[in-house]
mmCIF file of all heavy atoms, coordinates in Angstrom:
data_MODEL
# 
_entry.id   MODEL 
# 
loop_
_atom_site.group_PDB 
_atom_site.id 
_atom_site.type_symbol 
_atom_site.label_atom_id 
_atom_site.label_alt_id 
_atom_site.label_comp_id 
_atom_site.label_asym_id 
_atom_site.label_entity_id 
_atom_site.label_seq_id 
_atom_site.pdbx_PDB_ins_code 
_atom_site.Cartn_x 
_atom_site.Cartn_y 
_atom_site.Cartn_z 
_atom_site.occupancy 
_atom_site.B_iso_or_equiv 
_atom_site.pdbx_formal_charge 
_atom_site.auth_seq_id 
_atom_site.auth_comp_id 
_atom_site.auth_asym_id 
_atom_site.auth_atom_id 
_atom_site.pdbx_PDB_model_num 
ATOM 1   N N   . ARG A 1 1  ? 10.344 -14.596 3.477   1.00 0.00 ? 1  ARG A N   1 
ATOM 2   C CA  . ARG A 1 1  ? 9.640  -14.140 4.657   1.00 0.00 ? 1  ARG A CA  1 
ATOM 3   C C   . ARG A 1 1  ? 9.871  -12.640 4.775   1.00 0.00 ? 1  ARG A C   1 
ATOM 4   O O   . ARG A 1 1  ? 10.952 -12.151 4.656   1.00 0.00 ? 1  ARG A O   1 
ATOM 5   C CB  . ARG A 1 1  ? 10.192 -14.811 5.926   1.00 0.00 ? 1  ARG A CB  1 
ATOM 6   C CG  . ARG A 1 1  ? 9.793  -16.298 6.061   1.00 0.00 ? 1  ARG A CG  1 
ATOM 7   C CD  . ARG A 1 1  ? 10.420 -16.864 7.376   1.00 0.00 ? 1  ARG A CD  1 
ATOM 8   N NE  . ARG A 1 1  ? 9.906  -16.155 8.560   1.00 0.00 ? 1  ARG A NE  1 
ATOM 9   C CZ  . ARG A 1 1  ? 8.826  -16.517 9.210   1.00 0.00 ? 1  ARG A CZ  1 
ATOM 10  N NH1 . ARG A 1 1  ? 8.133  -17.524 8.836   1.00 0.00 ? 1  ARG A NH1 1 
ATOM 11  N NH2 . ARG A 1 1  ? 8.491  -15.912 10.260  1.00 0.00 ? 1  ARG A NH2 1 
ATOM 12  N N   . PHE A 1 2  ? 8.696  -11.964 5.109   1.00 0.00 ? 2  PHE A N   1 
ATOM 13  C CA  . PHE A 1 2  ? 8.712  -10.519 5.452   1.00 0.00 ? 2  PHE A CA  1 
ATOM 14  C C   . PHE A 1 2  ? 8.370  -10.409 6.911   1.00 0.00 ? 2  PHE A C   1 
ATOM 15  O O   . PHE A 1 2  ? 7.234  -10.852 7.300   1.00 0.00 ? 2  PHE A O   1 
ATOM 16  C CB  . PHE A 1 2  ? 7.734  -9.764  4.565   1.00 0.00 ? 2  PHE A CB  1 
ATOM 17  C CG  . PHE A 1 2  ? 8.093  -9.699  3.088   1.00 0.00 ? 2  PHE A CG  1 
ATOM 18  C CD1 . PHE A 1 2  ? 7.571  -10.572 2.247   1.00 0.00 ? 2  PHE A CD1 1 
ATOM 19  C CD2 . PHE A 1 2  ? 8.949  -8.690  2.657   1.00 0.00 ? 2  PHE A CD2 1 
ATOM 20  C CE1 . PHE A 1 2  ? 7.870  -10.485 0.853   1.00 0.00 ? 2  PHE A CE1 1 
ATOM 21  C CE2 . PHE A 1 2  ? 9.298  -8.601  1.255   1.00 0.00 ? 2  PHE A CE2 1 
ATOM 22  C CZ  . PHE A 1 2  ? 8.713  -9.541  0.399   1.00 0.00 ? 2  PHE A CZ  1 
ATOM 23  N N   . GLU A 1 3  ? 9.265  -9.902  7.701   1.00 0.00 ? 3  GLU A N   1 
ATOM 24  C CA  . GLU A 1 3  ? 9.048  -9.765  9.154   1.00 0.00 ? 3  GLU A CA  1 
ATOM 25  C C   . GLU A 1 3  ? 9.142  -8.320  9.599   1.00 0.00 ? 3  GLU A C   1 
ATOM 26  O O   . GLU A 1 3  ? 10.124 -7.644  9.353   1.00 0.00 ? 3  GLU A O   1 
ATOM 27  C CB  . GLU A 1 3  ? 10.124 -10.591 9.919   1.00 0.00 ? 3  GLU A CB  1 
ATOM 28  C CG  . GLU A 1 3  ? 10.091 -12.046 9.535   1.00 0.00 ? 3  GLU A CG  1 
ATOM 29  C CD  . GLU A 1 3  ? 11.267 -12.828 10.169  1.00 0.00 ? 3  GLU A CD  1 
ATOM 30  O OE1 . GLU A 1 3  ? 12.097 -12.153 10.817  1.00 0.00 ? 3  GLU A OE1 1 
ATOM 31  O OE2 . GLU A 1 3  ? 11.372 -14.043 10.040  1.00 0.00 ? 3  GLU A OE2 1 
ATOM 32  N N   . GLN A 1 4  ? 8.073  -7.826  10.217  1.00 0.00 ? 4  GLN A N   1 
ATOM 33  C CA  . GLN A 1 4  ? 7.971  -6.450  10.736  1.00 0.00 ? 4  GLN A CA  1 
ATOM 34  C C   . GLN A 1 4  ? 8.395  -5.412  9.684   1.00 0.00 ? 4  GLN A C   1 
ATOM 35  O O   . GLN A 1 4  ? 9.150  -4.490  9.986   1.00 0.00 ? 4  GLN A O   1 
ATOM 36  C CB  . GLN A 1 4  ? 8.887  -6.304  11.984  1.00 0.00 ? 4  GLN A CB  1 
ATOM 37  C CG  . GLN A 1 4  ? 8.466  -7.194  13.160  1.00 0.00 ? 4  GLN A CG  1 
ATOM 38  C CD  . GLN A 1 4  ? 9.124  -8.551  13.156  1.00 0.00 ? 4  GLN A CD  1 
ATOM 39  O OE1 . GLN A 1 4  ? 10.337 -8.642  12.977  1.00 0.00 ? 4  GLN A OE1 1 
ATOM 40  N NE2 . GLN A 1 4  ? 8.378  -9.632  13.300  1.00 0.00 ? 4  GLN A NE2 1 
ATOM 41  N N   . CYS A 1 5  ? 7.885  -5.585  8.490   1.00 0.00 ? 5  CYS A N   1 
ATOM 42  C CA  . CYS A 1 5  ? 8.216  -4.681  7.414   1.00 0.00 ? 5  CYS A CA  1 
ATOM 43  C C   . CYS A 1 5  ? 6.985  -3.698  7.186   1.00 0.00 ? 5  CYS A C   1 
ATOM 44  O O   . CYS A 1 5  ? 5.843  -4.038  7.447   1.00 0.00 ? 5  CYS A O   1 
ATOM 45  C CB  . CYS A 1 5  ? 8.495  -5.346  6.112   1.00 0.00 ? 5  CYS A CB  1 
ATOM 46  S SG  . CYS A 1 5  ? 10.064 -6.325  6.115   1.00 0.00 ? 5  CYS A SG  1 
ATOM 47  N N   . ARG A 1 6  ? 7.360  -2.455  6.687   1.00 0.00 ? 6  ARG A N   1 
ATOM 48  C CA  . ARG A 1 6  ? 6.312  -1.510  6.344   1.00 0.00 ? 6  ARG A CA  1 
ATOM 49  C C   . ARG A 1 6  ? 6.340  -1.212  4.854   1.00 0.00 ? 6  ARG A C   1 
ATOM 50  O O   . ARG A 1 6  ? 7.444  -0.946  4.327   1.00 0.00 ? 6  ARG A O   1 
ATOM 51  C CB  . ARG A 1 6  ? 6.486  -0.203  7.142   1.00 0.00 ? 6  ARG A CB  1 
ATOM 52  C CG  . ARG A 1 6  ? 6.257  -0.327  8.627   1.00 0.00 ? 6  ARG A CG  1 
ATOM 53  C CD  . ARG A 1 6  ? 6.435  1.025   9.280   1.00 0.00 ? 6  ARG A CD  1 
ATOM 54  N NE  . ARG A 1 6  ? 5.453  2.017   8.753   1.00 0.00 ? 6  ARG A NE  1 
ATOM 55  C CZ  . ARG A 1 6  ? 5.598  3.316   8.822   1.00 0.00 ? 6  ARG A CZ  1 
ATOM 56  N NH1 . ARG A 1 6  ? 6.703  3.832   9.402   1.00 0.00 ? 6  ARG A NH1 1 
ATOM 57  N NH2 . ARG A 1 6  ? 4.670  4.117   8.373   1.00 0.00 ? 6  ARG A NH2 1 
ATOM 58  N N   . PHE A 1 7  ? 5.165  -1.227  4.258   1.00 0.00 ? 7  PHE A N   1 
ATOM 59  C CA  . PHE A 1 7  ? 5.050  -0.906  2.840   1.00 0.00 ? 7  PHE A CA  1 
ATOM 60  C C   . PHE A 1 7  ? 4.118  0.256   2.773   1.00 0.00 ? 7  PHE A C   1 
ATOM 61  O O   . PHE A 1 7  ? 2.924  0.152   3.130   1.00 0.00 ? 7  PHE A O   1 
ATOM 62  C CB  . PHE A 1 7  ? 4.476  -2.086  1.999   1.00 0.00 ? 7  PHE A CB  1 
ATOM 63  C CG  . PHE A 1 7  ? 5.322  -3.307  2.057   1.00 0.00 ? 7  PHE A CG  1 
ATOM 64  C CD1 . PHE A 1 7  ? 5.244  -4.236  3.057   1.00 0.00 ? 7  PHE A CD1 1 
ATOM 65  C CD2 . PHE A 1 7  ? 6.278  -3.568  1.021   1.00 0.00 ? 7  PHE A CD2 1 
ATOM 66  C CE1 . PHE A 1 7  ? 6.023  -5.395  3.083   1.00 0.00 ? 7  PHE A CE1 1 
ATOM 67  C CE2 . PHE A 1 7  ? 7.080  -4.646  1.033   1.00 0.00 ? 7  PHE A CE2 1 
ATOM 68  C CZ  . PHE A 1 7  ? 6.972  -5.591  2.065   1.00 0.00 ? 7  PHE A CZ  1 
ATOM 69  N N   . ILE A 1 8  ? 4.580  1.425   2.191   1.00 0.00 ? 8  ILE A N   1 
ATOM 70  C CA  . ILE A 1 8  ? 3.721  2.630   2.047   1.00 0.00 ? 8  ILE A CA  1 
ATOM 71  C C   . ILE A 1 8  ? 3.589  2.880   0.534   1.00 0.00 ? 8  ILE A C   1 
ATOM 72  O O   . ILE A 1 8  ? 4.587  3.238   -0.116  1.00 0.00 ? 8  ILE A O   1 
ATOM 73  C CB  . ILE A 1 8  ? 4.335  3.825   2.799   1.00 0.00 ? 8  ILE A CB  1 
ATOM 74  C CG1 . ILE A 1 8  ? 4.591  3.496   4.259   1.00 0.00 ? 8  ILE A CG1 1 
ATOM 75  C CG2 . ILE A 1 8  ? 3.498  5.038   2.622   1.00 0.00 ? 8  ILE A CG2 1 
ATOM 76  C CD1 . ILE A 1 8  ? 5.324  4.531   4.995   1.00 0.00 ? 8  ILE A CD1 1 
ATOM 77  N N   . GLY A 1 9  ? 2.393  2.731   0.051   1.00 0.00 ? 9  GLY A N   1 
ATOM 78  C CA  . GLY A 1 9  ? 2.146  3.091   -1.378  1.00 0.00 ? 9  GLY A CA  1 
ATOM 79  C C   . GLY A 1 9  ? 2.932  2.229   -2.319  1.00 0.00 ? 9  GLY A C   1 
ATOM 80  O O   . GLY A 1 9  ? 3.286  2.682   -3.402  1.00 0.00 ? 9  GLY A O   1 
ATOM 81  N N   . CYS A 1 10 ? 3.125  0.983   -1.981  1.00 0.00 ? 10 CYS A N   1 
ATOM 82  C CA  . CYS A 1 10 ? 3.937  0.070   -2.887  1.00 0.00 ? 10 CYS A CA  1 
ATOM 83  C C   . CYS A 1 10 ? 3.063  -0.797  -3.741  1.00 0.00 ? 10 CYS A C   1 
ATOM 84  O O   . CYS A 1 10 ? 1.886  -0.995  -3.479  1.00 0.00 ? 10 CYS A O   1 
ATOM 85  C CB  . CYS A 1 10 ? 4.808  -0.854  -1.978  1.00 0.00 ? 10 CYS A CB  1 
ATOM 86  S SG  . CYS A 1 10 ? 6.079  -0.030  -1.056  1.00 0.00 ? 10 CYS A SG  1 
ATOM 87  N N   . THR A 1 11 ? 3.643  -1.274  -4.861  1.00 0.00 ? 11 THR A N   1 
ATOM 88  C CA  . THR A 1 11 ? 2.940  -2.150  -5.779  1.00 0.00 ? 11 THR A CA  1 
ATOM 89  C C   . THR A 1 11 ? 3.689  -3.431  -5.994  1.00 0.00 ? 11 THR A C   1 
ATOM 90  O O   . THR A 1 11 ? 4.932  -3.438  -6.022  1.00 0.00 ? 11 THR A O   1 
ATOM 91  C CB  . THR A 1 11 ? 2.738  -1.419  -7.130  1.00 0.00 ? 11 THR A CB  1 
ATOM 92  O OG1 . THR A 1 11 ? 4.005  -1.206  -7.718  1.00 0.00 ? 11 THR A OG1 1 
ATOM 93  C CG2 . THR A 1 11 ? 1.983  -0.114  -6.958  1.00 0.00 ? 11 THR A CG2 1 
ATOM 94  N N   . MET A 1 12 ? 2.959  -4.516  -6.197  1.00 0.00 ? 12 MET A N   1 
ATOM 95  C CA  . MET A 1 12 ? 3.481  -5.787  -6.581  1.00 0.00 ? 12 MET A CA  1 
ATOM 96  C C   . MET A 1 12 ? 2.666  -6.370  -7.710  1.00 0.00 ? 12 MET A C   1 
ATOM 97  O O   . MET A 1 12 ? 2.455  -7.547  -7.841  1.00 0.00 ? 12 MET A O   1 
ATOM 98  C CB  . MET A 1 12 ? 3.523  -6.778  -5.378  1.00 0.00 ? 12 MET A CB  1 
ATOM 99  C CG  . MET A 1 12 ? 4.478  -6.416  -4.279  1.00 0.00 ? 12 MET A CG  1 
ATOM 100 S SD  . MET A 1 12 ? 4.529  -7.703  -2.979  1.00 0.00 ? 12 MET A SD  1 
ATOM 101 C CE  . MET A 1 12 ? 5.755  -7.012  -1.887  1.00 0.00 ? 12 MET A CE  1 
ATOM 102 N N   . ASP A 1 13 ? 2.145  -5.438  -8.570  1.00 0.00 ? 13 ASP A N   1 
ATOM 103 C CA  . ASP A 1 13 ? 1.261  -5.848  -9.636  1.00 0.00 ? 13 ASP A CA  1 
ATOM 104 C C   . ASP A 1 13 ? 1.947  -6.866  -10.544 1.00 0.00 ? 13 ASP A C   1 
ATOM 105 O O   . ASP A 1 13 ? 3.140  -6.755  -10.858 1.00 0.00 ? 13 ASP A O   1 
ATOM 106 C CB  . ASP A 1 13 ? 0.887  -4.615  -10.455 1.00 0.00 ? 13 ASP A CB  1 
ATOM 107 C CG  . ASP A 1 13 ? 0.042  -3.615  -9.587  1.00 0.00 ? 13 ASP A CG  1 
ATOM 108 O OD1 . ASP A 1 13 ? -0.429 -4.003  -8.572  1.00 0.00 ? 13 ASP A OD1 1 
ATOM 109 O OD2 . ASP A 1 13 ? -0.072 -2.455  -10.133 1.00 0.00 ? 13 ASP A OD2 1 
ATOM 110 N N   . LYS A 1 14 ? 1.178  -7.887  -10.973 1.00 0.00 ? 14 LYS A N   1 
ATOM 111 C CA  . LYS A 1 14 ? 1.627  -8.942  -11.841 1.00 0.00 ? 14 LYS A CA  1 
ATOM 112 C C   . LYS A 1 14 ? 2.838  -9.687  -11.320 1.00 0.00 ? 14 LYS A C   1 
ATOM 113 O O   . LYS A 1 14 ? 3.629  -10.339 -12.055 1.00 0.00 ? 14 LYS A O   1 
ATOM 114 C CB  . LYS A 1 14 ? 1.943  -8.356  -13.217 1.00 0.00 ? 14 LYS A CB  1 
ATOM 115 C CG  . LYS A 1 14 ? 0.723  -7.762  -13.895 1.00 0.00 ? 14 LYS A CG  1 
ATOM 116 C CD  . LYS A 1 14 ? 1.036  -7.285  -15.291 1.00 0.00 ? 14 LYS A CD  1 
ATOM 117 C CE  . LYS A 1 14 ? -0.248 -6.711  -15.962 1.00 0.00 ? 14 LYS A CE  1 
ATOM 118 N NZ  . LYS A 1 14 ? 0.048  -6.241  -17.359 1.00 0.00 ? 14 LYS A NZ  1 
ATOM 119 N N   . GLY A 1 15 ? 3.054  -9.589  -10.012 1.00 0.00 ? 15 GLY A N   1 
ATOM 120 C CA  . GLY A 1 15 ? 4.127  -10.384 -9.424  1.00 0.00 ? 15 GLY A CA  1 
ATOM 121 C C   . GLY A 1 15 ? 3.781  -11.813 -9.144  1.00 0.00 ? 15 GLY A C   1 
ATOM 122 O O   . GLY A 1 15 ? 2.619  -12.194 -9.264  1.00 0.00 ? 15 GLY A O   1 
ATOM 123 N N   . TRP A 1 16 ? 4.745  -12.588 -8.712  1.00 0.00 ? 16 TRP A N   1 
ATOM 124 C CA  . TRP A 1 16 ? 4.551  -13.979 -8.326  1.00 0.00 ? 16 TRP A CA  1 
ATOM 125 C C   . TRP A 1 16 ? 5.074  -14.186 -6.928  1.00 0.00 ? 16 TRP A C   1 
ATOM 126 O O   . TRP A 1 16 ? 6.285  -14.084 -6.717  1.00 0.00 ? 16 TRP A O   1 
ATOM 127 C CB  . TRP A 1 16 ? 5.195  -14.941 -9.280  1.00 0.00 ? 16 TRP A CB  1 
ATOM 128 C CG  . TRP A 1 16 ? 4.911  -16.387 -9.019  1.00 0.00 ? 16 TRP A CG  1 
ATOM 129 C CD1 . TRP A 1 16 ? 3.772  -16.895 -8.409  1.00 0.00 ? 16 TRP A CD1 1 
ATOM 130 C CD2 . TRP A 1 16 ? 5.692  -17.531 -9.348  1.00 0.00 ? 16 TRP A CD2 1 
ATOM 131 N NE1 . TRP A 1 16 ? 3.827  -18.244 -8.267  1.00 0.00 ? 16 TRP A NE1 1 
ATOM 132 C CE2 . TRP A 1 16 ? 5.033  -18.662 -8.867  1.00 0.00 ? 16 TRP A CE2 1 
ATOM 133 C CE3 . TRP A 1 16 ? 6.961  -17.643 -9.961  1.00 0.00 ? 16 TRP A CE3 1 
ATOM 134 C CZ2 . TRP A 1 16 ? 5.579  -19.968 -9.007  1.00 0.00 ? 16 TRP A CZ2 1 
ATOM 135 C CZ3 . TRP A 1 16 ? 7.510  -18.952 -10.109 1.00 0.00 ? 16 TRP A CZ3 1 
ATOM 136 C CH2 . TRP A 1 16 ? 6.774  -20.098 -9.636  1.00 0.00 ? 16 TRP A CH2 1 
ATOM 137 N N   . LEU A 1 17 ? 4.170  -14.474 -5.978  1.00 0.00 ? 17 LEU A N   1 
ATOM 138 C CA  . LEU A 1 17 ? 4.522  -14.805 -4.632  1.00 0.00 ? 17 LEU A CA  1 
ATOM 139 C C   . LEU A 1 17 ? 4.303  -16.322 -4.393  1.00 0.00 ? 17 LEU A C   1 
ATOM 140 O O   . LEU A 1 17 ? 3.162  -16.770 -4.371  1.00 0.00 ? 17 LEU A O   1 
ATOM 141 C CB  . LEU A 1 17 ? 3.715  -13.966 -3.625  1.00 0.00 ? 17 LEU A CB  1 
ATOM 142 C CG  . LEU A 1 17 ? 4.125  -12.532 -3.377  1.00 0.00 ? 17 LEU A CG  1 
ATOM 143 C CD1 . LEU A 1 17 ? 3.960  -11.703 -4.661  1.00 0.00 ? 17 LEU A CD1 1 
ATOM 144 C CD2 . LEU A 1 17 ? 3.302  -11.953 -2.245  1.00 0.00 ? 17 LEU A CD2 1 
ATOM 145 N N   . ASN A 1 18 ? 5.403  -17.018 -4.261  1.00 0.00 ? 18 ASN A N   1 
ATOM 146 C CA  . ASN A 1 18 ? 5.334  -18.487 -4.172  1.00 0.00 ? 18 ASN A CA  1 
ATOM 147 C C   . ASN A 1 18 ? 6.037  -18.895 -2.818  1.00 0.00 ? 18 ASN A C   1 
ATOM 148 O O   . ASN A 1 18 ? 7.196  -18.685 -2.722  1.00 0.00 ? 18 ASN A O   1 
ATOM 149 C CB  . ASN A 1 18 ? 5.999  -19.129 -5.340  1.00 0.00 ? 18 ASN A CB  1 
ATOM 150 C CG  . ASN A 1 18 ? 6.028  -20.647 -5.336  1.00 0.00 ? 18 ASN A CG  1 
ATOM 151 O OD1 . ASN A 1 18 ? 6.951  -21.286 -5.751  1.00 0.00 ? 18 ASN A OD1 1 
ATOM 152 N ND2 . ASN A 1 18 ? 4.952  -21.253 -4.822  1.00 0.00 ? 18 ASN A ND2 1 
ATOM 153 N N   . ARG A 1 19 ? 5.230  -19.465 -1.944  1.00 0.00 ? 19 ARG A N   1 
ATOM 154 C CA  . ARG A 1 19 ? 5.748  -19.839 -0.598  1.00 0.00 ? 19 ARG A CA  1 
ATOM 155 C C   . ARG A 1 19 ? 6.338  -18.525 0.070   1.00 0.00 ? 19 ARG A C   1 
ATOM 156 O O   . ARG A 1 19 ? 7.524  -18.509 0.308   1.00 0.00 ? 19 ARG A O   1 
ATOM 157 C CB  . ARG A 1 19 ? 6.755  -20.950 -0.664  1.00 0.00 ? 19 ARG A CB  1 
ATOM 158 C CG  . ARG A 1 19 ? 6.190  -22.274 -1.210  1.00 0.00 ? 19 ARG A CG  1 
ATOM 159 C CD  . ARG A 1 19 ? 7.132  -23.430 -1.009  1.00 0.00 ? 19 ARG A CD  1 
ATOM 160 N NE  . ARG A 1 19 ? 8.387  -23.284 -1.724  1.00 0.00 ? 19 ARG A NE  1 
ATOM 161 C CZ  . ARG A 1 19 ? 8.615  -23.655 -2.957  1.00 0.00 ? 19 ARG A CZ  1 
ATOM 162 N NH1 . ARG A 1 19 ? 7.596  -24.155 -3.685  1.00 0.00 ? 19 ARG A NH1 1 
ATOM 163 N NH2 . ARG A 1 19 ? 9.756  -23.405 -3.531  1.00 0.00 ? 19 ARG A NH2 1 
ATOM 164 N N   . VAL A 1 20 ? 5.422  -17.676 0.386   1.00 0.00 ? 20 VAL A N   1 
ATOM 165 C CA  . VAL A 1 20 ? 5.827  -16.365 1.015   1.00 0.00 ? 20 VAL A CA  1 
ATOM 166 C C   . VAL A 1 20 ? 4.973  -16.218 2.304   1.00 0.00 ? 20 VAL A C   1 
ATOM 167 O O   . VAL A 1 20 ? 3.801  -16.467 2.367   1.00 0.00 ? 20 VAL A O   1 
ATOM 168 C CB  . VAL A 1 20 ? 5.513  -15.213 0.091   1.00 0.00 ? 20 VAL A CB  1 
ATOM 169 C CG1 . VAL A 1 20 ? 5.663  -13.857 0.776   1.00 0.00 ? 20 VAL A CG1 1 
ATOM 170 C CG2 . VAL A 1 20 ? 6.409  -15.273 -1.156  1.00 0.00 ? 20 VAL A CG2 1 
ATOM 171 N N   . ASP A 1 21 ? 5.715  -15.792 3.377   1.00 0.00 ? 21 ASP A N   1 
ATOM 172 C CA  . ASP A 1 21 ? 5.075  -15.504 4.657   1.00 0.00 ? 21 ASP A CA  1 
ATOM 173 C C   . ASP A 1 21 ? 5.327  -14.052 5.070   1.00 0.00 ? 21 ASP A C   1 
ATOM 174 O O   . ASP A 1 21 ? 6.377  -13.540 4.921   1.00 0.00 ? 21 ASP A O   1 
ATOM 175 C CB  . ASP A 1 21 ? 5.736  -16.429 5.721   1.00 0.00 ? 21 ASP A CB  1 
ATOM 176 C CG  . ASP A 1 21 ? 5.578  -17.888 5.416   1.00 0.00 ? 21 ASP A CG  1 
ATOM 177 O OD1 . ASP A 1 21 ? 4.539  -18.269 4.928   1.00 0.00 ? 21 ASP A OD1 1 
ATOM 178 O OD2 . ASP A 1 21 ? 6.581  -18.643 5.649   1.00 0.00 ? 21 ASP A OD2 1 
ATOM 179 N N   . LEU A 1 22 ? 4.210  -13.448 5.560   1.00 0.00 ? 22 LEU A N   1 
ATOM 180 C CA  . LEU A 1 22 ? 4.328  -12.135 6.136   1.00 0.00 ? 22 LEU A CA  1 
ATOM 181 C C   . LEU A 1 22 ? 3.951  -12.163 7.593   1.00 0.00 ? 22 LEU A C   1 
ATOM 182 O O   . LEU A 1 22 ? 2.933  -12.736 7.942   1.00 0.00 ? 22 LEU A O   1 
ATOM 183 C CB  . LEU A 1 22 ? 3.397  -11.146 5.370   1.00 0.00 ? 22 LEU A CB  1 
ATOM 184 C CG  . LEU A 1 22 ? 3.646  -10.864 3.921   1.00 0.00 ? 22 LEU A CG  1 
ATOM 185 C CD1 . LEU A 1 22 ? 2.832  -11.834 3.060   1.00 0.00 ? 22 LEU A CD1 1 
ATOM 186 C CD2 . LEU A 1 22 ? 3.340  -9.480  3.542   1.00 0.00 ? 22 LEU A CD2 1 
ATOM 187 N N   . ARG A 1 23 ? 4.790  -11.578 8.442   1.00 0.00 ? 23 ARG A N   1 
ATOM 188 C CA  . ARG A 1 23 ? 4.541  -11.530 9.914   1.00 0.00 ? 23 ARG A CA  1 
ATOM 189 C C   . ARG A 1 23 ? 4.682  -10.114 10.421  1.00 0.00 ? 23 ARG A C   1 
ATOM 190 O O   . ARG A 1 23 ? 5.723  -9.477  10.225  1.00 0.00 ? 23 ARG A O   1 
ATOM 191 C CB  . ARG A 1 23 ? 5.498  -12.425 10.605  1.00 0.00 ? 23 ARG A CB  1 
ATOM 192 C CG  . ARG A 1 23 ? 5.448  -13.925 10.212  1.00 0.00 ? 23 ARG A CG  1 
ATOM 193 C CD  . ARG A 1 23 ? 4.162  -14.529 10.717  1.00 0.00 ? 23 ARG A CD  1 
ATOM 194 N NE  . ARG A 1 23 ? 4.013  -15.959 10.389  1.00 0.00 ? 23 ARG A NE  1 
ATOM 195 C CZ  . ARG A 1 23 ? 3.494  -16.440 9.271   1.00 0.00 ? 23 ARG A CZ  1 
ATOM 196 N NH1 . ARG A 1 23 ? 2.960  -15.546 8.409   1.00 0.00 ? 23 ARG A NH1 1 
ATOM 197 N NH2 . ARG A 1 23 ? 3.365  -17.719 9.055   1.00 0.00 ? 23 ARG A NH2 1 
ATOM 198 N N   . ASP A 1 24 ? 3.629  -9.612  11.087  1.00 0.00 ? 24 ASP A N   1 
ATOM 199 C CA  . ASP A 1 24 ? 3.672  -8.285  11.703  1.00 0.00 ? 24 ASP A CA  1 
ATOM 200 C C   . ASP A 1 24 ? 4.029  -7.212  10.708  1.00 0.00 ? 24 ASP A C   1 
ATOM 201 O O   . ASP A 1 24 ? 4.837  -6.346  11.063  1.00 0.00 ? 24 ASP A O   1 
ATOM 202 C CB  . ASP A 1 24 ? 4.632  -8.256  12.903  1.00 0.00 ? 24 ASP A CB  1 
ATOM 203 C CG  . ASP A 1 24 ? 4.139  -9.126  14.034  1.00 0.00 ? 24 ASP A CG  1 
ATOM 204 O OD1 . ASP A 1 24 ? 3.004  -8.939  14.498  1.00 0.00 ? 24 ASP A OD1 1 
ATOM 205 O OD2 . ASP A 1 24 ? 4.939  -10.022 14.475  1.00 0.00 ? 24 ASP A OD2 1 
ATOM 206 N N   . CYS A 1 25 ? 3.498  -7.277  9.527   1.00 0.00 ? 25 CYS A N   1 
ATOM 207 C CA  . CYS A 1 25 ? 3.822  -6.274  8.522   1.00 0.00 ? 25 CYS A CA  1 
ATOM 208 C C   . CYS A 1 25 ? 2.665  -5.282  8.370   1.00 0.00 ? 25 CYS A C   1 
ATOM 209 O O   . CYS A 1 25 ? 1.502  -5.626  8.590   1.00 0.00 ? 25 CYS A O   1 
ATOM 210 C CB  . CYS A 1 25 ? 4.057  -6.960  7.169   1.00 0.00 ? 25 CYS A CB  1 
ATOM 211 S SG  . CYS A 1 25 ? 5.556  -7.936  7.071   1.00 0.00 ? 25 CYS A SG  1 
ATOM 212 N N   . SER A 1 26 ? 3.007  -4.061  8.009   1.00 0.00 ? 26 SER A N   1 
ATOM 213 C CA  . SER A 1 26 ? 2.019  -3.014  7.746   1.00 0.00 ? 26 SER A CA  1 
ATOM 214 C C   . SER A 1 26 ? 2.107  -2.686  6.231   1.00 0.00 ? 26 SER A C   1 
ATOM 215 O O   . SER A 1 26 ? 3.116  -2.202  5.759   1.00 0.00 ? 26 SER A O   1 
ATOM 216 C CB  . SER A 1 26 ? 2.333  -1.777  8.592   1.00 0.00 ? 26 SER A CB  1 
ATOM 217 O OG  . SER A 1 26 ? 1.425  -0.726  8.218   1.00 0.00 ? 26 SER A OG  1 
ATOM 218 N N   . ALA A 1 27 ? 1.029  -2.953  5.510   1.00 0.00 ? 27 ALA A N   1 
ATOM 219 C CA  . ALA A 1 27 ? 0.999  -2.706  4.045   1.00 0.00 ? 27 ALA A CA  1 
ATOM 220 C C   . ALA A 1 27 ? -0.341 -2.197  3.615   1.00 0.00 ? 27 ALA A C   1 
ATOM 221 O O   . ALA A 1 27 ? -0.946 -2.715  2.653   1.00 0.00 ? 27 ALA A O   1 
ATOM 222 C CB  . ALA A 1 27 ? 1.397  -3.974  3.335   1.00 0.00 ? 27 ALA A CB  1 
ATOM 223 N N   . PRO A 1 28 ? -0.876 -1.151  4.230   1.00 0.00 ? 28 PRO A N   1 
ATOM 224 C CA  . PRO A 1 28 ? -2.134 -0.612  3.779   1.00 0.00 ? 28 PRO A CA  1 
ATOM 225 C C   . PRO A 1 28 ? -2.052 -0.084  2.350   1.00 0.00 ? 28 PRO A C   1 
ATOM 226 O O   . PRO A 1 28 ? -1.071 0.621   2.004   1.00 0.00 ? 28 PRO A O   1 
ATOM 227 C CB  . PRO A 1 28 ? -2.488 0.498   4.768   1.00 0.00 ? 28 PRO A CB  1 
ATOM 228 C CG  . PRO A 1 28 ? -1.136 0.934   5.340   1.00 0.00 ? 28 PRO A CG  1 
ATOM 229 C CD  . PRO A 1 28 ? -0.320 -0.332  5.318   1.00 0.00 ? 28 PRO A CD  1 
ATOM 230 N N   . GLY A 1 29 ? -3.049 -0.441  1.539   1.00 0.00 ? 29 GLY A N   1 
ATOM 231 C CA  . GLY A 1 29 ? -3.019 0.007   0.103   1.00 0.00 ? 29 GLY A CA  1 
ATOM 232 C C   . GLY A 1 29 ? -2.091 -0.710  -0.779  1.00 0.00 ? 29 GLY A C   1 
ATOM 233 O O   . GLY A 1 29 ? -1.918 -0.293  -1.924  1.00 0.00 ? 29 GLY A O   1 
# 
């Protein structure tokens, strides 16, 4: 779970997200 997290210019290319929840997150781009 990601809760109230900020991602600025981040990459998750070729990653695997399995049973993942995002709540109130800011991740433009």
